[in-house]
């Protein structure tokens, strides 16, 4: 299977009041054509920053220290903003975290779809209109022609999320980055959105990066999984291997944080993840790890191949 996207040894930091602080450490992952890569971890672990670097949509204070990002064999980190404008939206589309604020409330859904189509496809008039209507129909929005006239406030959160997916389809994007696509949606609507995303991925051969903390969504939708902790990938595995035979203590802890309806006890991960201002010595997870050894307090483990299906960064496998 050919790789459509490959991130290699990415290092990112922030210019803070007390100096430059590194947030992402040697992150590497790849996305195969027609497949879904899930990136999981607690809030603040670096999931969104790592993927937003692909689109060069980082905050002003963020800086990429080193690394390479290859899209269809080209290192797009060397691209100018003008070159990136031809990729953002058209080739690599983003489904942002909050569907409620992702659409402009002053313009109709149709106007916003047409603007994207005219910009990225170069179509106008009836041709652009037909593409817009068709894209709404493809994400199962009923009465698509009438909905073109509607404003975002007339749509529910789930319908807004469908519109954003429709924008990606209208531009024939090859990659969709879905950043917590079910945030702020109720459980039923979450399932509908993930079903639509899976359906369009399969039908049109899209590749998807799914950023989430919901392991249920990961199990049902991902092909590969990258587990992040404190700006590092600590486990990288095929989805079946990850759930059947997790390697890293952090991955195991995440999988144990499951509410059993027959029990009043909820498993938790004790302690808090470090912030980017903390001085970390050894493994960044050692203060919360039940399997911590002396070496874990002194040396940071590197990501290494454990078997054909998985890699992990843990001294237990030295």
C-alpha atoms as a PDB file:
ATOM      1  CA  UNK A   1       0.000   0.000   0.000  1.00  0.00           C
ATOM      2  CA  UNK A   2       1.477   3.352  -1.048  1.00  0.00           C
ATOM      3  CA  UNK A   3       1.907   6.203   1.419  1.00  0.00           C
ATOM      4  CA  UNK A   4       0.095   9.412   0.516  1.00  0.00           C
ATOM      5  CA  UNK A   5       1.454  11.306   3.555  1.00  0.00           C
ATOM      6  CA  UNK A   6       4.569  10.781   5.626  1.00  0.00           C
ATOM      7  CA  UNK A   7       5.698  12.819   8.635  1.00  0.00           C
ATOM      8  CA  UNK A   8       9.323  12.306   9.662  1.00  0.00           C
ATOM      9  CA  UNK A   9      11.071  13.357  12.892  1.00  0.00           C
ATOM     10  CA  UNK A  10       8.896  16.403  13.491  1.00  0.00           C
ATOM     11  CA  UNK A  11      10.014  18.741  16.289  1.00  0.00           C
ATOM     12  CA  UNK A  12       7.832  21.731  17.230  1.00  0.00           C
ATOM     13  CA  UNK A  13       8.038  24.258  20.048  1.00  0.00           C
ATOM     14  CA  UNK A  14       6.570  27.534  21.293  1.00  0.00           C
ATOM     15  CA  UNK A  15       8.113  30.932  21.972  1.00  0.00           C
ATOM     16  CA  UNK A  16       6.920  31.649  25.506  1.00  0.00           C
ATOM     17  CA  UNK A  17       7.692  34.527  27.884  1.00  0.00           C
ATOM     18  CA  UNK A  18      10.414  32.471  29.569  1.00  0.00           C
ATOM     19  CA  UNK A  19      11.912  31.267  26.285  1.00  0.00           C
ATOM     20  CA  UNK A  20      11.440  28.567  23.670  1.00  0.00           C
ATOM     21  CA  UNK A  21       9.789  25.379  24.947  1.00  0.00           C
ATOM     22  CA  UNK A  22       9.624  22.214  22.901  1.00  0.00           C
ATOM     23  CA  UNK A  23       6.200  20.568  22.613  1.00  0.00           C
ATOM     24  CA  UNK A  24       6.586  17.889  19.899  1.00  0.00           C
ATOM     25  CA  UNK A  25       9.514  15.464  19.940  1.00  0.00           C
ATOM     26  CA  UNK A  26      10.617  13.481  16.873  1.00  0.00           C
ATOM     27  CA  UNK A  27       7.078  12.586  15.816  1.00  0.00           C
ATOM     28  CA  UNK A  28       6.870  10.287  12.799  1.00  0.00           C
ATOM     29  CA  UNK A  29       3.826   8.659  11.214  1.00  0.00           C
ATOM     30  CA  UNK A  30       2.497   7.785   7.773  1.00  0.00           C
ATOM     31  CA  UNK A  31      -0.890   7.604   6.105  1.00  0.00           C
ATOM     32  CA  UNK A  32      -1.627   5.037   3.418  1.00  0.00           C
ATOM     33  CA  UNK A  33      -4.006   5.678   0.536  1.00  0.00           C
ATOM     34  CA  UNK A  34      -7.583   4.778   1.406  1.00  0.00           C
ATOM     35  CA  UNK A  35      -6.760   4.102   5.061  1.00  0.00           C
ATOM     36  CA  UNK A  36      -7.498   5.764   8.405  1.00  0.00           C
ATOM     37  CA  UNK A  37      -4.820   6.670  10.932  1.00  0.00           C
ATOM     38  CA  UNK A  38      -6.106   7.532  14.404  1.00  0.00           C
ATOM     39  CA  UNK A  39      -4.020   9.734  16.703  1.00  0.00           C
ATOM     40  CA  UNK A  40      -5.083   9.355  20.330  1.00  0.00           C
ATOM     41  CA  UNK A  41      -4.080  10.647  23.737  1.00  0.00           C
ATOM     42  CA  UNK A  42      -5.124  12.975  26.537  1.00  0.00           C
ATOM     43  CA  UNK A  43      -5.791  16.670  25.964  1.00  0.00           C
ATOM     44  CA  UNK A  44      -2.561  18.607  25.453  1.00  0.00           C
ATOM     45  CA  UNK A  45      -0.522  15.604  24.315  1.00  0.00           C
ATOM     46  CA  UNK A  46       0.231  17.165  20.907  1.00  0.00           C
ATOM     47  CA  UNK A  47      -2.322  15.473  18.622  1.00  0.00           C
ATOM     48  CA  UNK A  48      -3.692  18.633  17.030  1.00  0.00           C
ATOM     49  CA  UNK A  49      -0.377  20.525  16.823  1.00  0.00           C
ATOM     50  CA  UNK A  50       1.264  17.581  15.055  1.00  0.00           C
ATOM     51  CA  UNK A  51      -1.450  17.369  12.417  1.00  0.00           C
ATOM     52  CA  UNK A  52      -1.958  21.112  11.950  1.00  0.00           C
ATOM     53  CA  UNK A  53       1.704  21.281  10.951  1.00  0.00           C
ATOM     54  CA  UNK A  54       0.725  19.288   7.856  1.00  0.00           C
ATOM     55  CA  UNK A  55      -1.435  22.229   6.754  1.00  0.00           C
ATOM     56  CA  UNK A  56       1.002  24.804   8.163  1.00  0.00           C
ATOM     57  CA  UNK A  57      -1.800  26.175  10.343  1.00  0.00           C
ATOM     58  CA  UNK A  58       0.139  26.518  13.581  1.00  0.00           C
ATOM     59  CA  UNK A  59      -0.270  29.381  16.093  1.00  0.00           C
ATOM     60  CA  UNK A  60       2.009  32.382  15.588  1.00  0.00           C
ATOM     61  CA  UNK A  61       4.125  31.450  18.598  1.00  0.00           C
ATOM     62  CA  UNK A  62       4.716  27.893  17.323  1.00  0.00           C
ATOM     63  CA  UNK A  63       7.852  27.041  15.397  1.00  0.00           C
ATOM     64  CA  UNK A  64       8.833  23.889  13.529  1.00  0.00           C
ATOM     65  CA  UNK A  65      12.439  23.240  14.579  1.00  0.00           C
ATOM     66  CA  UNK A  66      13.073  20.309  12.260  1.00  0.00           C
ATOM     67  CA  UNK A  67      11.435  17.475  10.381  1.00  0.00           C
ATOM     68  CA  UNK A  68       9.929  16.629   7.014  1.00  0.00           C
ATOM     69  CA  UNK A  69       6.343  16.223   5.775  1.00  0.00           C
ATOM     70  CA  UNK A  70       5.950  14.412   2.469  1.00  0.00           C
ATOM     71  CA  UNK A  71       2.669  14.630   0.556  1.00  0.00           C
ATOM     72  CA  UNK A  72       2.713  12.467  -2.575  1.00  0.00           C
ATOM     73  CA  UNK A  73       6.507  12.405  -2.355  1.00  0.00           C
ATOM     74  CA  UNK A  74       7.038  16.188  -2.019  1.00  0.00           C
ATOM     75  CA  UNK A  75       8.321  17.802   1.164  1.00  0.00           C
ATOM     76  CA  UNK A  76       5.563  20.378   1.711  1.00  0.00           C
ATOM     77  CA  UNK A  77       7.333  21.922   4.713  1.00  0.00           C
ATOM     78  CA  UNK A  78       9.468  23.728   2.154  1.00  0.00           C
ATOM     79  CA  UNK A  79       6.377  25.094   0.346  1.00  0.00           C
ATOM     80  CA  UNK A  80       5.504  28.797   0.341  1.00  0.00           C
ATOM     81  CA  UNK A  81       2.135  30.009   1.616  1.00  0.00           C
ATOM     82  CA  UNK A  82       1.012  30.431  -2.003  1.00  0.00           C
ATOM     83  CA  UNK A  83       1.865  26.814  -2.742  1.00  0.00           C
ATOM     84  CA  UNK A  84       0.124  25.650   0.447  1.00  0.00           C
ATOM     85  CA  UNK A  85      -3.053  27.491  -0.556  1.00  0.00           C
ATOM     86  CA  UNK A  86      -3.323  25.097  -3.489  1.00  0.00           C
ATOM     87  CA  UNK A  87      -3.193  22.147  -1.083  1.00  0.00           C
ATOM     88  CA  UNK A  88      -5.305  23.328   1.859  1.00  0.00           C
ATOM     89  CA  UNK A  89      -8.930  22.511   1.284  1.00  0.00           C
ATOM     90  CA  UNK A  90      -8.360  21.211  -2.232  1.00  0.00           C
ATOM     91  CA  UNK A  91      -6.020  18.268  -1.566  1.00  0.00           C
ATOM     92  CA  UNK A  92      -5.974  18.088   2.237  1.00  0.00           C
ATOM     93  CA  UNK A  93      -9.217  19.144   3.914  1.00  0.00           C
ATOM     94  CA  UNK A  94      -9.841  19.848   7.589  1.00  0.00           C
ATOM     95  CA  UNK A  95     -12.910  18.955   9.610  1.00  0.00           C
ATOM     96  CA  UNK A  96     -12.346  21.258  12.615  1.00  0.00           C
ATOM     97  CA  UNK A  97     -13.055  20.442  16.218  1.00  0.00           C
ATOM     98  CA  UNK A  98     -16.126  22.631  16.751  1.00  0.00           C
ATOM     99  CA  UNK A  99     -18.849  22.401  14.091  1.00  0.00           C
ATOM    100  CA  UNK A 100     -20.828  25.140  15.849  1.00  0.00           C
ATOM    101  CA  UNK A 101     -18.288  27.856  15.017  1.00  0.00           C
ATOM    102  CA  UNK A 102     -16.776  26.525  11.786  1.00  0.00           C
ATOM    103  CA  UNK A 103     -19.251  28.180   9.402  1.00  0.00           C
ATOM    104  CA  UNK A 104     -19.717  31.925   8.903  1.00  0.00           C
ATOM    105  CA  UNK A 105     -23.117  32.872  10.402  1.00  0.00           C
ATOM    106  CA  UNK A 106     -23.531  35.819   7.994  1.00  0.00           C
ATOM    107  CA  UNK A 107     -23.623  33.751   4.792  1.00  0.00           C
ATOM    108  CA  UNK A 108     -25.842  30.952   3.611  1.00  0.00           C
ATOM    109  CA  UNK A 109     -24.512  27.412   3.491  1.00  0.00           C
ATOM    110  CA  UNK A 110     -24.793  27.582  -0.294  1.00  0.00           C
ATOM    111  CA  UNK A 111     -22.690  30.748  -0.530  1.00  0.00           C
ATOM    112  CA  UNK A 112     -19.954  29.197   1.591  1.00  0.00           C
ATOM    113  CA  UNK A 113     -19.929  25.994  -0.455  1.00  0.00           C
ATOM    114  CA  UNK A 114     -19.813  27.923  -3.725  1.00  0.00           C
ATOM    115  CA  UNK A 115     -16.947  30.085  -2.484  1.00  0.00           C
ATOM    116  CA  UNK A 116     -14.870  26.979  -1.732  1.00  0.00           C
ATOM    117  CA  UNK A 117     -15.737  25.374  -5.080  1.00  0.00           C
ATOM    118  CA  UNK A 118     -14.915  28.528  -7.058  1.00  0.00           C
ATOM    119  CA  UNK A 119     -11.612  28.932  -5.199  1.00  0.00           C
ATOM    120  CA  UNK A 120     -10.367  25.364  -5.462  1.00  0.00           C
ATOM    121  CA  UNK A 121     -12.153  23.964  -8.508  1.00  0.00           C
ATOM    122  CA  UNK A 122     -12.338  27.101 -10.652  1.00  0.00           C
ATOM    123  CA  UNK A 123     -16.012  26.434 -11.404  1.00  0.00           C
ATOM    124  CA  UNK A 124     -18.729  29.098 -11.607  1.00  0.00           C
ATOM    125  CA  UNK A 125     -22.432  29.509 -12.232  1.00  0.00           C
ATOM    126  CA  UNK A 126     -24.639  26.451 -12.710  1.00  0.00           C
ATOM    127  CA  UNK A 127     -21.664  24.108 -12.856  1.00  0.00           C
ATOM    128  CA  UNK A 128     -20.480  25.192  -9.392  1.00  0.00           C
ATOM    129  CA  UNK A 129     -24.063  25.133  -8.068  1.00  0.00           C
ATOM    130  CA  UNK A 130     -24.594  21.547  -9.255  1.00  0.00           C
ATOM    131  CA  UNK A 131     -21.364  20.424  -7.574  1.00  0.00           C
ATOM    132  CA  UNK A 132     -22.453  22.122  -4.327  1.00  0.00           C
ATOM    133  CA  UNK A 133     -25.887  20.488  -4.318  1.00  0.00           C
ATOM    134  CA  UNK A 134     -24.384  17.108  -5.174  1.00  0.00           C
ATOM    135  CA  UNK A 135     -21.875  17.370  -2.330  1.00  0.00           C
ATOM    136  CA  UNK A 136     -24.700  18.037   0.161  1.00  0.00           C
ATOM    137  CA  UNK A 137     -26.610  15.046  -1.184  1.00  0.00           C
ATOM    138  CA  UNK A 138     -23.544  12.847  -0.801  1.00  0.00           C
ATOM    139  CA  UNK A 139     -23.498  13.528   2.953  1.00  0.00           C
ATOM    140  CA  UNK A 140     -27.224  12.739   3.162  1.00  0.00           C
ATOM    141  CA  UNK A 141     -28.557  16.244   3.725  1.00  0.00           C
ATOM    142  CA  UNK A 142     -32.228  16.132   2.681  1.00  0.00           C
ATOM    143  CA  UNK A 143     -33.713  18.763   0.345  1.00  0.00           C
ATOM    144  CA  UNK A 144     -30.205  19.862  -0.623  1.00  0.00           C
ATOM    145  CA  UNK A 145     -31.374  22.631  -2.981  1.00  0.00           C
ATOM    146  CA  UNK A 146     -33.480  24.209  -0.250  1.00  0.00           C
ATOM    147  CA  UNK A 147     -30.706  23.795   2.332  1.00  0.00           C
ATOM    148  CA  UNK A 148     -28.383  25.797   0.055  1.00  0.00           C
ATOM    149  CA  UNK A 149     -30.491  28.835   1.001  1.00  0.00           C
ATOM    150  CA  UNK A 150     -30.256  28.190   4.758  1.00  0.00           C
ATOM    151  CA  UNK A 151     -27.988  29.939   7.251  1.00  0.00           C
ATOM    152  CA  UNK A 152     -25.784  27.954   9.669  1.00  0.00           C
ATOM    153  CA  UNK A 153     -27.947  28.846  12.679  1.00  0.00           C
ATOM    154  CA  UNK A 154     -30.784  26.906  11.028  1.00  0.00           C
ATOM    155  CA  UNK A 155     -28.678  23.736  11.136  1.00  0.00           C
ATOM    156  CA  UNK A 156     -28.049  21.415  14.078  1.00  0.00           C
ATOM    157  CA  UNK A 157     -24.475  20.593  15.117  1.00  0.00           C
ATOM    158  CA  UNK A 158     -24.605  17.306  13.228  1.00  0.00           C
ATOM    159  CA  UNK A 159     -25.910  18.981  10.065  1.00  0.00           C
ATOM    160  CA  UNK A 160     -23.151  21.601  10.247  1.00  0.00           C
ATOM    161  CA  UNK A 161     -20.584  18.825  10.484  1.00  0.00           C
ATOM    162  CA  UNK A 162     -22.108  17.232   7.373  1.00  0.00           C
ATOM    163  CA  UNK A 163     -21.747  20.543   5.523  1.00  0.00           C
ATOM    164  CA  UNK A 164     -18.051  20.672   6.421  1.00  0.00           C
ATOM    165  CA  UNK A 165     -17.573  17.120   5.121  1.00  0.00           C
ATOM    166  CA  UNK A 166     -19.465  18.158   1.972  1.00  0.00           C
ATOM    167  CA  UNK A 167     -16.954  20.984   1.440  1.00  0.00           C
ATOM    168  CA  UNK A 168     -14.127  18.442   1.444  1.00  0.00           C
ATOM    169  CA  UNK A 169     -15.968  16.262  -1.074  1.00  0.00           C
ATOM    170  CA  UNK A 170     -16.813  19.224  -3.298  1.00  0.00           C
ATOM    171  CA  UNK A 171     -13.108  19.947  -3.716  1.00  0.00           C
ATOM    172  CA  UNK A 172     -12.161  16.296  -4.329  1.00  0.00           C
ATOM    173  CA  UNK A 173      -9.783  16.256  -1.370  1.00  0.00           C
ATOM    174  CA  UNK A 174      -7.506  13.229  -1.107  1.00  0.00           C
ATOM    175  CA  UNK A 175      -6.911  13.511   2.643  1.00  0.00           C
ATOM    176  CA  UNK A 176      -9.324  14.531   5.387  1.00  0.00           C
ATOM    177  CA  UNK A 177      -7.979  15.563   8.780  1.00  0.00           C
ATOM    178  CA  UNK A 178     -10.844  15.070  11.222  1.00  0.00           C
ATOM    179  CA  UNK A 179     -10.011  16.847  14.493  1.00  0.00           C
ATOM    180  CA  UNK A 180     -12.354  15.451  17.155  1.00  0.00           C
ATOM    181  CA  UNK A 181     -15.207  15.401  14.588  1.00  0.00           C
ATOM    182  CA  UNK A 182     -17.815  14.278  17.133  1.00  0.00           C
ATOM    183  CA  UNK A 183     -17.077  16.882  19.835  1.00  0.00           C
ATOM    184  CA  UNK A 184     -20.222  18.589  21.218  1.00  0.00           C
ATOM    185  CA  UNK A 185     -22.513  16.138  19.412  1.00  0.00           C
ATOM    186  CA  UNK A 186     -24.834  13.706  21.161  1.00  0.00           C
ATOM    187  CA  UNK A 187     -24.141   9.977  20.926  1.00  0.00           C
ATOM    188  CA  UNK A 188     -26.668   9.248  18.177  1.00  0.00           C
ATOM    189  CA  UNK A 189     -25.407  12.087  15.974  1.00  0.00           C
ATOM    190  CA  UNK A 190     -21.798  11.052  16.652  1.00  0.00           C
ATOM    191  CA  UNK A 191     -22.543   7.623  15.189  1.00  0.00           C
ATOM    192  CA  UNK A 192     -24.221   9.183  12.135  1.00  0.00           C
ATOM    193  CA  UNK A 193     -21.255  11.480  11.437  1.00  0.00           C
ATOM    194  CA  UNK A 194     -18.740   8.638  11.751  1.00  0.00           C
ATOM    195  CA  UNK A 195     -20.898   6.450   9.483  1.00  0.00           C
ATOM    196  CA  UNK A 196     -20.966   9.195   6.829  1.00  0.00           C
ATOM    197  CA  UNK A 197     -17.221   9.771   7.133  1.00  0.00           C
ATOM    198  CA  UNK A 198     -16.562   6.035   6.785  1.00  0.00           C
ATOM    199  CA  UNK A 199     -18.955   5.746   3.842  1.00  0.00           C
ATOM    200  CA  UNK A 200     -17.426   8.618   1.836  1.00  0.00           C
ATOM    201  CA  UNK A 201     -13.934   7.356   2.652  1.00  0.00           C
ATOM    202  CA  UNK A 202     -14.745   3.919   1.254  1.00  0.00           C
ATOM    203  CA  UNK A 203     -16.702   5.207  -1.745  1.00  0.00           C
ATOM    204  CA  UNK A 204     -14.209   7.843  -2.889  1.00  0.00           C
ATOM    205  CA  UNK A 205     -10.966   6.250  -1.694  1.00  0.00           C
ATOM    206  CA  UNK A 206     -10.148   9.039   0.765  1.00  0.00           C
ATOM    207  CA  UNK A 207      -7.388   8.829   3.361  1.00  0.00           C
ATOM    208  CA  UNK A 208      -8.275  10.020   6.868  1.00  0.00           C
ATOM    209  CA  UNK A 209      -6.343  11.234   9.895  1.00  0.00           C
ATOM    210  CA  UNK A 210      -8.693  10.912  12.850  1.00  0.00           C
ATOM    211  CA  UNK A 211      -7.752  12.878  15.970  1.00  0.00           C
ATOM    212  CA  UNK A 212      -9.725  11.662  18.954  1.00  0.00           C
ATOM    213  CA  UNK A 213      -9.678  10.581  22.587  1.00  0.00           C
ATOM    214  CA  UNK A 214     -12.607   8.191  22.048  1.00  0.00           C
ATOM    215  CA  UNK A 215     -11.209   4.672  21.818  1.00  0.00           C
ATOM    216  CA  UNK A 216     -14.600   3.296  20.763  1.00  0.00           C
ATOM    217  CA  UNK A 217     -14.462   5.441  17.623  1.00  0.00           C
ATOM    218  CA  UNK A 218     -10.861   4.313  17.065  1.00  0.00           C
ATOM    219  CA  UNK A 219     -11.769   0.619  17.296  1.00  0.00           C
ATOM    220  CA  UNK A 220     -14.555   0.974  14.743  1.00  0.00           C
ATOM    221  CA  UNK A 221     -12.870   3.256  12.215  1.00  0.00           C
ATOM    222  CA  UNK A 222      -9.068   3.135  12.301  1.00  0.00           C
ATOM    223  CA  UNK A 223      -6.580   0.944  10.453  1.00  0.00           C
ATOM    224  CA  UNK A 224      -3.514   2.171  12.350  1.00  0.00           C
ATOM    225  CA  UNK A 225      -3.187   4.019  15.662  1.00  0.00           C
ATOM    226  CA  UNK A 226      -0.559   6.414  17.000  1.00  0.00           C
ATOM    227  CA  UNK A 227      -0.745   6.886  20.776  1.00  0.00           C
ATOM    228  CA  UNK A 228       0.723  10.200  21.930  1.00  0.00           C
ATOM    229  CA  UNK A 229       1.898  11.273  25.355  1.00  0.00           C
ATOM    230  CA  UNK A 230       3.665  14.521  26.254  1.00  0.00           C
ATOM    231  CA  UNK A 231       4.421  15.396  22.625  1.00  0.00           C
ATOM    232  CA  UNK A 232       5.796  11.962  21.746  1.00  0.00           C
ATOM    233  CA  UNK A 233       4.442   8.888  20.004  1.00  0.00           C
ATOM    234  CA  UNK A 234       4.719   6.132  22.605  1.00  0.00           C
ATOM    235  CA  UNK A 235       2.977   3.402  20.606  1.00  0.00           C
ATOM    236  CA  UNK A 236       2.274   2.931  16.902  1.00  0.00           C
ATOM    237  CA  UNK A 237       0.365  -0.156  15.850  1.00  0.00           C
ATOM    238  CA  UNK A 238      -2.285  -1.802  13.710  1.00  0.00           C
ATOM    239  CA  UNK A 239      -5.660  -1.233  15.354  1.00  0.00           C
ATOM    240  CA  UNK A 240      -6.348  -4.912  16.073  1.00  0.00           C
ATOM    241  CA  UNK A 241      -2.915  -5.422  17.623  1.00  0.00           C
ATOM    242  CA  UNK A 242      -3.315  -2.317  19.777  1.00  0.00           C
ATOM    243  CA  UNK A 243      -6.590  -3.463  21.304  1.00  0.00           C
ATOM    244  CA  UNK A 244      -5.681  -7.142  21.625  1.00  0.00           C
ATOM    245  CA  UNK A 245      -2.083  -6.755  22.759  1.00  0.00           C
ATOM    246  CA  UNK A 246      -1.210  -3.181  23.854  1.00  0.00           C
ATOM    247  CA  UNK A 247       2.477  -2.742  24.648  1.00  0.00           C
ATOM    248  CA  UNK A 248       3.038   0.616  26.335  1.00  0.00           C
ATOM    249  CA  UNK A 249       1.829   1.054  29.959  1.00  0.00           C
ATOM    250  CA  UNK A 250       0.125   4.312  28.922  1.00  0.00           C
ATOM    251  CA  UNK A 251      -1.833   2.547  26.167  1.00  0.00           C
ATOM    252  CA  UNK A 252      -2.850  -0.150  28.642  1.00  0.00           C
ATOM    253  CA  UNK A 253      -3.950   2.530  31.122  1.00  0.00           C
ATOM    254  CA  UNK A 254      -6.040   4.282  28.445  1.00  0.00           C
ATOM    255  CA  UNK A 255      -7.752   1.024  27.550  1.00  0.00           C
ATOM    256  CA  UNK A 256      -8.521   0.405  31.232  1.00  0.00           C
ATOM    257  CA  UNK A 257     -10.304   3.750  31.579  1.00  0.00           C
ATOM    258  CA  UNK A 258     -13.628   2.157  30.702  1.00  0.00           C
ATOM    259  CA  UNK A 259     -16.802   2.518  32.723  1.00  0.00           C
ATOM    260  CA  UNK A 260     -18.313  -0.867  33.563  1.00  0.00           C
ATOM    261  CA  UNK A 261     -22.090  -0.509  33.918  1.00  0.00           C
ATOM    262  CA  UNK A 262     -22.062  -3.405  36.395  1.00  0.00           C
ATOM    263  CA  UNK A 263     -19.513  -1.732  38.682  1.00  0.00           C
ATOM    264  CA  UNK A 264     -19.384   1.466  40.714  1.00  0.00           C
ATOM    265  CA  UNK A 265     -15.595   1.677  40.266  1.00  0.00           C
ATOM    266  CA  UNK A 266     -14.031   3.634  37.417  1.00  0.00           C
ATOM    267  CA  UNK A 267     -10.396   3.025  36.480  1.00  0.00           C
ATOM    268  CA  UNK A 268      -8.331   6.225  36.238  1.00  0.00           C
ATOM    269  CA  UNK A 269      -4.753   7.166  35.407  1.00  0.00           C
ATOM    270  CA  UNK A 270      -3.303   8.728  38.532  1.00  0.00           C
ATOM    271  CA  UNK A 271      -1.504  12.053  38.287  1.00  0.00           C
ATOM    272  CA  UNK A 272      -1.370  14.608  35.493  1.00  0.00           C
ATOM    273  CA  UNK A 273       0.588  14.675  32.224  1.00  0.00           C
ATOM    274  CA  UNK A 274       3.566  17.070  32.255  1.00  0.00           C
ATOM    275  CA  UNK A 275       3.261  20.517  30.676  1.00  0.00           C
ATOM    276  CA  UNK A 276       5.737  21.840  28.112  1.00  0.00           C
ATOM    277  CA  UNK A 277       7.355  24.011  30.802  1.00  0.00           C
ATOM    278  CA  UNK A 278       8.224  21.013  32.987  1.00  0.00           C
ATOM    279  CA  UNK A 279      11.779  19.693  32.938  1.00  0.00           C
ATOM    280  CA  UNK A 280      11.438  16.023  32.038  1.00  0.00           C
ATOM    281  CA  UNK A 281      14.141  13.495  32.837  1.00  0.00           C
ATOM    282  CA  UNK A 282      13.765   9.930  31.652  1.00  0.00           C
ATOM    283  CA  UNK A 283      10.470   8.598  30.349  1.00  0.00           C
ATOM    284  CA  UNK A 284       7.791  11.326  30.477  1.00  0.00           C
ATOM    285  CA  UNK A 285       5.243   8.757  31.722  1.00  0.00           C
ATOM    286  CA  UNK A 286       7.344   7.327  34.572  1.00  0.00           C
ATOM    287  CA  UNK A 287       5.679   9.372  37.338  1.00  0.00           C
ATOM    288  CA  UNK A 288       2.305   7.814  36.482  1.00  0.00           C
ATOM    289  CA  UNK A 289       3.509   4.371  35.427  1.00  0.00           C
ATOM    290  CA  UNK A 290       2.831   1.242  37.518  1.00  0.00           C
ATOM    291  CA  UNK A 291       5.713  -0.560  35.776  1.00  0.00           C
ATOM    292  CA  UNK A 292       8.320   2.162  36.419  1.00  0.00           C
ATOM    293  CA  UNK A 293      11.928   0.954  36.794  1.00  0.00           C
ATOM    294  CA  UNK A 294      15.095   2.850  37.754  1.00  0.00           C
ATOM    295  CA  UNK A 295      16.144   3.255  34.115  1.00  0.00           C
ATOM    296  CA  UNK A 296      12.785   4.910  33.348  1.00  0.00           C
ATOM    297  CA  UNK A 297      13.709   7.790  35.680  1.00  0.00           C
ATOM    298  CA  UNK A 298      17.052   8.373  33.954  1.00  0.00           C
ATOM    299  CA  UNK A 299      16.779   7.579  30.240  1.00  0.00           C
ATOM    300  CA  UNK A 300      14.036   8.390  27.771  1.00  0.00           C
ATOM    301  CA  UNK A 301      13.129   5.296  25.710  1.00  0.00           C
ATOM    302  CA  UNK A 302      13.066   5.457  21.914  1.00  0.00           C
ATOM    303  CA  UNK A 303      10.318   4.157  19.656  1.00  0.00           C
ATOM    304  CA  UNK A 304      11.321   0.717  18.425  1.00  0.00           C
ATOM    305  CA  UNK A 305       9.815  -2.187  16.501  1.00  0.00           C
ATOM    306  CA  UNK A 306       8.415  -4.863  18.820  1.00  0.00           C
ATOM    307  CA  UNK A 307       6.796  -7.092  16.214  1.00  0.00           C
ATOM    308  CA  UNK A 308       5.500  -6.785  12.665  1.00  0.00           C
ATOM    309  CA  UNK A 309       2.366  -4.914  13.773  1.00  0.00           C
ATOM    310  CA  UNK A 310       3.599  -2.545  16.460  1.00  0.00           C
ATOM    311  CA  UNK A 311       6.271  -0.183  17.779  1.00  0.00           C
ATOM    312  CA  UNK A 312       6.573   1.225  21.261  1.00  0.00           C
ATOM    313  CA  UNK A 313       8.819   3.483  23.320  1.00  0.00           C
ATOM    314  CA  UNK A 314       9.276   1.621  26.602  1.00  0.00           C
ATOM    315  CA  UNK A 315      12.226   0.197  28.553  1.00  0.00           C
ATOM    316  CA  UNK A 316      10.198  -2.930  29.334  1.00  0.00           C
ATOM    317  CA  UNK A 317      11.097  -4.157  25.856  1.00  0.00           C
ATOM    318  CA  UNK A 318      14.844  -3.421  25.945  1.00  0.00           C
END
